[in-house]
């Protein structure tokens, strides 16, 4: 199963310390174990664009949708046997300590129930 890790900042997390950031070790470990599909950092939220289509009108605004102290800083796509395994992998990521990580299972379109229309 595939799981998306949303790597987020969190103003309530412990302060970032570069000497405790073991992201290189984490990446090597998940790649050697064969559970890492792809991942990367994201540019700052201030550089984002929020896109909406309402009533046929396209609206594009600068920045993220909501003004909050937390932002998505990166992502990783994992291939794990279970949610429990994905959570264990996420728990070893340095941003689990310096931020927060949301883990979600992918929901393939072929798993959708047929539309009764």
N, C-alpha and C. Protein backbone atom coordinates (compact mmCIF):
# COMPACT_ATOMS: atom_id res chain seq x y z
N UNK A 1 0.84 -1.18 0.00
CA UNK A 1 0.00 0.00 0.00
C UNK A 1 0.88 1.24 0.00
N UNK A 2 0.38 2.28 -0.64
CA UNK A 2 1.12 3.54 -0.62
C UNK A 2 0.55 4.48 0.43
N UNK A 3 1.47 5.20 1.08
CA UNK A 3 1.12 6.16 2.12
C UNK A 3 1.84 7.47 1.85
N UNK A 4 1.10 8.56 1.98
CA UNK A 4 1.68 9.89 1.82
C UNK A 4 2.01 10.44 3.20
N UNK A 5 3.24 10.86 3.36
CA UNK A 5 3.66 11.57 4.57
C UNK A 5 3.69 13.05 4.23
N UNK A 6 2.87 13.84 4.90
CA UNK A 6 2.94 15.29 4.77
C UNK A 6 3.81 15.79 5.92
N UNK A 7 4.95 16.34 5.59
CA UNK A 7 5.92 16.80 6.57
C UNK A 7 5.62 18.27 6.82
N UNK A 8 5.23 18.60 8.05
CA UNK A 8 4.73 19.94 8.36
C UNK A 8 5.54 20.62 9.46
N UNK A 9 5.56 21.94 9.39
CA UNK A 9 6.12 22.71 10.49
C UNK A 9 5.09 22.73 11.61
N UNK A 10 5.54 23.02 12.81
CA UNK A 10 4.64 23.08 13.96
C UNK A 10 5.27 24.01 14.99
N UNK A 11 4.66 25.17 15.21
CA UNK A 11 5.24 26.13 16.15
C UNK A 11 5.31 25.62 17.59
N UNK A 12 4.59 24.55 17.90
CA UNK A 12 4.60 24.01 19.26
C UNK A 12 5.62 22.88 19.44
N UNK A 13 6.33 22.51 18.37
CA UNK A 13 7.31 21.43 18.45
C UNK A 13 8.58 21.93 19.14
N UNK A 14 9.46 20.98 19.47
CA UNK A 14 10.72 21.39 20.08
C UNK A 14 11.53 22.19 19.07
N UNK A 15 12.36 23.10 19.53
CA UNK A 15 13.14 23.93 18.61
C UNK A 15 14.05 23.10 17.71
N UNK A 16 14.18 23.55 16.47
CA UNK A 16 15.03 22.86 15.51
C UNK A 16 16.49 23.01 15.93
N UNK A 17 17.22 21.90 15.87
CA UNK A 17 18.67 21.90 16.14
C UNK A 17 19.32 21.13 15.00
N UNK A 18 20.11 21.83 14.21
CA UNK A 18 20.75 21.22 13.04
C UNK A 18 21.54 19.97 13.41
N UNK A 19 22.20 19.98 14.55
CA UNK A 19 23.01 18.83 14.96
C UNK A 19 22.16 17.59 15.27
N UNK A 20 20.86 17.77 15.50
CA UNK A 20 19.96 16.64 15.75
C UNK A 20 19.17 16.23 14.52
N UNK A 21 19.39 16.92 13.41
CA UNK A 21 18.65 16.63 12.18
C UNK A 21 19.35 15.49 11.44
N UNK A 22 18.79 14.29 11.56
CA UNK A 22 19.38 13.10 10.96
C UNK A 22 18.66 12.69 9.67
N UNK A 23 18.23 13.66 8.87
CA UNK A 23 17.45 13.36 7.68
C UNK A 23 18.22 12.47 6.71
N UNK A 24 19.53 12.65 6.60
CA UNK A 24 20.34 11.79 5.71
C UNK A 24 20.26 10.34 6.13
N UNK A 25 20.35 10.08 7.43
CA UNK A 25 20.23 8.70 7.94
C UNK A 25 18.86 8.14 7.64
N UNK A 26 17.83 8.95 7.86
CA UNK A 26 16.45 8.51 7.63
C UNK A 26 16.26 8.11 6.17
N UNK A 27 16.72 8.98 5.25
CA UNK A 27 16.55 8.69 3.82
C UNK A 27 17.30 7.42 3.44
N UNK A 28 18.54 7.28 3.90
CA UNK A 28 19.30 6.06 3.58
C UNK A 28 18.58 4.82 4.10
N UNK A 29 18.05 4.89 5.31
CA UNK A 29 17.36 3.75 5.91
C UNK A 29 16.12 3.35 5.10
N UNK A 30 15.26 4.32 4.78
CA UNK A 30 14.01 3.96 4.08
C UNK A 30 14.28 3.54 2.64
N UNK A 31 15.35 4.08 2.03
CA UNK A 31 15.70 3.63 0.68
C UNK A 31 16.26 2.21 0.71
N UNK A 32 17.12 1.91 1.69
CA UNK A 32 17.68 0.55 1.81
C UNK A 32 16.59 -0.46 2.11
N UNK A 33 15.59 -0.09 2.89
CA UNK A 33 14.49 -0.99 3.22
C UNK A 33 13.50 -1.12 2.08
N UNK A 34 13.60 -0.26 1.07
CA UNK A 34 12.72 -0.33 -0.09
C UNK A 34 11.32 0.21 0.14
N UNK A 35 11.13 1.07 1.14
CA UNK A 35 9.80 1.61 1.40
C UNK A 35 9.64 3.04 0.89
N UNK A 36 10.72 3.67 0.47
CA UNK A 36 10.66 5.07 0.00
C UNK A 36 10.45 5.09 -1.51
N UNK A 37 9.40 5.78 -1.96
CA UNK A 37 9.11 5.88 -3.38
C UNK A 37 9.67 7.20 -3.92
N UNK A 38 9.30 8.31 -3.28
CA UNK A 38 9.76 9.64 -3.69
C UNK A 38 9.53 10.60 -2.53
N UNK A 39 10.26 11.67 -2.50
CA UNK A 39 10.06 12.69 -1.48
C UNK A 39 10.90 13.91 -1.78
N UNK A 40 10.49 15.04 -1.21
CA UNK A 40 11.25 16.26 -1.41
C UNK A 40 10.75 17.34 -0.46
N UNK A 41 11.58 18.37 -0.30
CA UNK A 41 11.15 19.56 0.42
C UNK A 41 10.26 20.36 -0.52
N UNK A 42 9.51 21.29 0.05
CA UNK A 42 8.70 22.21 -0.76
C UNK A 42 9.21 23.63 -0.52
N UNK A 43 9.06 24.46 -1.53
CA UNK A 43 9.41 25.87 -1.39
C UNK A 43 8.53 26.48 -0.30
N UNK A 44 8.91 27.63 0.26
CA UNK A 44 8.13 28.24 1.35
C UNK A 44 6.67 28.49 0.97
N UNK A 45 5.79 28.41 1.96
CA UNK A 45 4.36 28.60 1.74
C UNK A 45 4.05 29.96 1.12
N UNK A 46 4.86 30.96 1.41
CA UNK A 46 4.64 32.29 0.85
C UNK A 46 4.73 32.29 -0.68
N UNK A 47 5.40 31.29 -1.24
CA UNK A 47 5.54 31.20 -2.70
C UNK A 47 4.42 30.37 -3.34
N UNK A 48 3.52 29.85 -2.53
CA UNK A 48 2.42 29.01 -3.04
C UNK A 48 1.35 29.85 -3.72
N UNK A 49 0.53 29.21 -4.49
CA UNK A 49 -0.67 29.82 -5.07
C UNK A 49 -1.83 28.90 -4.72
N UNK A 50 -2.95 29.51 -4.33
CA UNK A 50 -4.17 28.76 -4.07
C UNK A 50 -5.10 28.98 -5.25
N UNK A 51 -5.58 27.88 -5.84
CA UNK A 51 -6.38 27.92 -7.06
C UNK A 51 -7.79 27.42 -6.74
N UNK A 52 -8.78 28.18 -7.18
CA UNK A 52 -10.18 27.80 -7.00
C UNK A 52 -10.92 28.06 -8.31
N UNK A 53 -11.89 27.20 -8.61
CA UNK A 53 -12.79 27.42 -9.73
C UNK A 53 -14.19 27.43 -9.16
N UNK A 54 -14.85 28.59 -9.23
CA UNK A 54 -16.19 28.75 -8.68
C UNK A 54 -17.08 29.39 -9.74
N UNK A 55 -18.16 28.71 -10.08
CA UNK A 55 -19.08 29.26 -11.07
C UNK A 55 -18.41 29.55 -12.40
N UNK A 56 -17.41 28.76 -12.75
CA UNK A 56 -16.71 28.96 -14.01
C UNK A 56 -15.61 30.00 -13.96
N UNK A 57 -15.45 30.69 -12.84
CA UNK A 57 -14.42 31.72 -12.70
C UNK A 57 -13.22 31.16 -11.95
N UNK A 58 -12.05 31.32 -12.54
CA UNK A 58 -10.80 30.88 -11.93
C UNK A 58 -10.27 31.98 -11.03
N UNK A 59 -9.95 31.62 -9.82
CA UNK A 59 -9.38 32.56 -8.85
C UNK A 59 -8.04 32.00 -8.39
N UNK A 60 -7.01 32.82 -8.45
CA UNK A 60 -5.68 32.44 -8.00
C UNK A 60 -5.23 33.49 -6.99
N UNK A 61 -4.91 33.04 -5.78
CA UNK A 61 -4.42 33.96 -4.76
C UNK A 61 -3.04 33.54 -4.31
N UNK A 62 -2.26 34.51 -3.87
CA UNK A 62 -0.92 34.24 -3.39
C UNK A 62 -0.97 33.57 -2.03
N UNK A 63 -0.06 32.64 -1.82
CA UNK A 63 0.10 32.01 -0.53
C UNK A 63 -0.85 30.85 -0.30
N UNK A 64 -0.75 30.26 0.89
CA UNK A 64 -1.61 29.12 1.23
C UNK A 64 -3.04 29.58 1.49
N UNK A 65 -3.95 28.62 1.51
CA UNK A 65 -5.38 28.90 1.70
C UNK A 65 -5.64 29.58 3.04
N UNK A 66 -5.03 29.08 4.11
CA UNK A 66 -5.31 29.60 5.45
C UNK A 66 -4.06 30.23 6.05
N UNK A 67 -4.26 31.24 6.85
CA UNK A 67 -3.15 31.86 7.58
C UNK A 67 -3.00 31.13 8.91
N UNK A 68 -2.09 30.20 8.94
CA UNK A 68 -1.84 29.42 10.15
C UNK A 68 -0.34 29.37 10.39
N UNK A 69 0.06 28.98 11.58
CA UNK A 69 1.47 28.88 11.91
C UNK A 69 2.12 27.62 11.40
N UNK A 70 1.33 26.68 10.89
CA UNK A 70 1.86 25.42 10.37
C UNK A 70 1.76 25.43 8.86
N UNK A 71 2.78 24.86 8.21
CA UNK A 71 2.78 24.76 6.76
C UNK A 71 3.34 23.41 6.35
N UNK A 72 2.93 22.94 5.19
CA UNK A 72 3.51 21.72 4.64
C UNK A 72 4.89 22.08 4.12
N UNK A 73 5.90 21.42 4.66
CA UNK A 73 7.29 21.72 4.31
C UNK A 73 7.86 20.72 3.31
N UNK A 74 7.23 19.56 3.19
CA UNK A 74 7.73 18.54 2.30
C UNK A 74 6.79 17.35 2.28
N UNK A 75 7.19 16.34 1.53
CA UNK A 75 6.36 15.14 1.42
C UNK A 75 7.25 13.94 1.14
N UNK A 76 6.74 12.78 1.47
CA UNK A 76 7.36 11.52 1.10
C UNK A 76 6.24 10.55 0.76
N UNK A 77 6.46 9.75 -0.26
CA UNK A 77 5.53 8.69 -0.61
C UNK A 77 6.20 7.38 -0.24
N UNK A 78 5.52 6.61 0.58
CA UNK A 78 6.06 5.35 1.08
C UNK A 78 5.28 4.18 0.51
N UNK A 79 5.93 3.05 0.40
CA UNK A 79 5.29 1.79 0.03
C UNK A 79 5.48 0.87 1.23
N UNK A 80 4.42 0.68 2.00
CA UNK A 80 4.50 -0.10 3.24
C UNK A 80 3.40 -1.15 3.26
N UNK A 81 3.59 -2.17 4.07
CA UNK A 81 2.61 -3.25 4.16
C UNK A 81 1.36 -2.85 4.95
N UNK A 82 1.50 -1.84 5.82
CA UNK A 82 0.37 -1.47 6.67
C UNK A 82 0.52 -0.02 7.14
N UNK A 83 -0.56 0.51 7.67
CA UNK A 83 -0.53 1.85 8.27
C UNK A 83 0.44 1.86 9.45
N UNK A 84 0.46 0.78 10.20
CA UNK A 84 1.36 0.71 11.37
C UNK A 84 2.82 0.82 10.94
N UNK A 85 3.19 0.16 9.83
CA UNK A 85 4.56 0.27 9.34
C UNK A 85 4.85 1.70 8.88
N UNK A 86 3.91 2.32 8.17
CA UNK A 86 4.10 3.70 7.69
C UNK A 86 4.25 4.66 8.87
N UNK A 87 3.47 4.47 9.92
CA UNK A 87 3.58 5.32 11.11
C UNK A 87 4.94 5.13 11.78
N UNK A 88 5.43 3.90 11.83
CA UNK A 88 6.76 3.64 12.42
C UNK A 88 7.85 4.32 11.61
N UNK A 89 7.74 4.29 10.28
CA UNK A 89 8.71 4.98 9.41
C UNK A 89 8.64 6.48 9.66
N UNK A 90 7.44 7.03 9.71
CA UNK A 90 7.25 8.46 9.95
C UNK A 90 7.80 8.88 11.31
N UNK A 91 7.65 8.01 12.29
CA UNK A 91 8.11 8.33 13.64
C UNK A 91 9.61 8.47 13.76
N UNK A 92 10.36 7.95 12.79
CA UNK A 92 11.82 8.07 12.80
C UNK A 92 12.30 9.29 12.01
N UNK A 93 11.40 9.96 11.30
CA UNK A 93 11.76 11.15 10.52
C UNK A 93 12.05 12.30 11.50
N UNK A 94 13.10 13.10 11.27
CA UNK A 94 13.42 14.17 12.20
C UNK A 94 12.30 15.19 12.39
N UNK A 95 11.47 15.39 11.39
CA UNK A 95 10.38 16.35 11.55
C UNK A 95 9.26 15.84 12.44
N UNK A 96 9.28 14.57 12.80
CA UNK A 96 8.34 14.10 13.81
C UNK A 96 8.67 14.78 15.15
N UNK A 97 9.93 15.15 15.31
CA UNK A 97 10.39 15.83 16.53
C UNK A 97 10.31 17.35 16.38
N UNK A 98 10.74 17.89 15.23
CA UNK A 98 10.82 19.34 15.03
C UNK A 98 9.56 19.94 14.42
N UNK A 99 8.62 19.12 14.02
CA UNK A 99 7.38 19.58 13.40
C UNK A 99 6.30 18.56 13.67
N UNK A 100 5.64 18.12 12.62
CA UNK A 100 4.67 17.04 12.74
C UNK A 100 4.54 16.38 11.39
N UNK A 101 4.08 15.15 11.39
CA UNK A 101 3.92 14.41 10.14
C UNK A 101 2.53 13.79 10.10
N UNK A 102 1.85 14.04 9.02
CA UNK A 102 0.55 13.42 8.80
C UNK A 102 0.76 12.26 7.84
N UNK A 103 0.22 11.10 8.17
CA UNK A 103 0.35 9.91 7.32
C UNK A 103 -1.04 9.53 6.83
N UNK A 104 -1.18 9.41 5.50
CA UNK A 104 -2.46 9.02 4.91
C UNK A 104 -2.25 7.94 3.87
N UNK A 105 -3.12 6.95 3.89
CA UNK A 105 -3.09 5.91 2.85
C UNK A 105 -3.62 6.50 1.55
N UNK A 106 -3.01 6.10 0.44
CA UNK A 106 -3.53 6.48 -0.86
C UNK A 106 -4.86 5.75 -1.08
N UNK A 107 -5.76 6.38 -1.80
CA UNK A 107 -7.08 5.82 -2.05
C UNK A 107 -7.26 5.73 -3.56
N UNK A 108 -6.77 4.65 -4.16
CA UNK A 108 -6.82 4.53 -5.62
C UNK A 108 -8.24 4.63 -6.18
N UNK A 109 -8.35 5.26 -7.33
CA UNK A 109 -9.67 5.44 -7.94
C UNK A 109 -10.38 4.13 -8.20
N UNK A 110 -9.64 3.06 -8.48
CA UNK A 110 -10.30 1.77 -8.74
C UNK A 110 -10.97 1.20 -7.49
N UNK A 111 -10.66 1.76 -6.32
CA UNK A 111 -11.32 1.33 -5.08
C UNK A 111 -12.66 2.02 -4.86
N UNK A 112 -13.00 2.99 -5.69
CA UNK A 112 -14.25 3.72 -5.56
C UNK A 112 -15.43 2.82 -5.88
N UNK A 113 -16.51 2.99 -5.16
CA UNK A 113 -17.74 2.29 -5.49
C UNK A 113 -18.30 2.89 -6.77
N UNK A 114 -18.94 2.10 -7.61
CA UNK A 114 -19.51 2.65 -8.85
C UNK A 114 -20.54 3.73 -8.56
N UNK A 115 -20.58 4.75 -9.41
CA UNK A 115 -21.55 5.83 -9.27
C UNK A 115 -22.93 5.32 -9.69
N UNK A 116 -23.94 5.44 -8.82
CA UNK A 116 -25.25 4.87 -9.13
C UNK A 116 -26.02 5.63 -10.22
N UNK A 117 -25.50 6.75 -10.69
CA UNK A 117 -26.23 7.59 -11.68
C UNK A 117 -26.40 6.93 -13.00
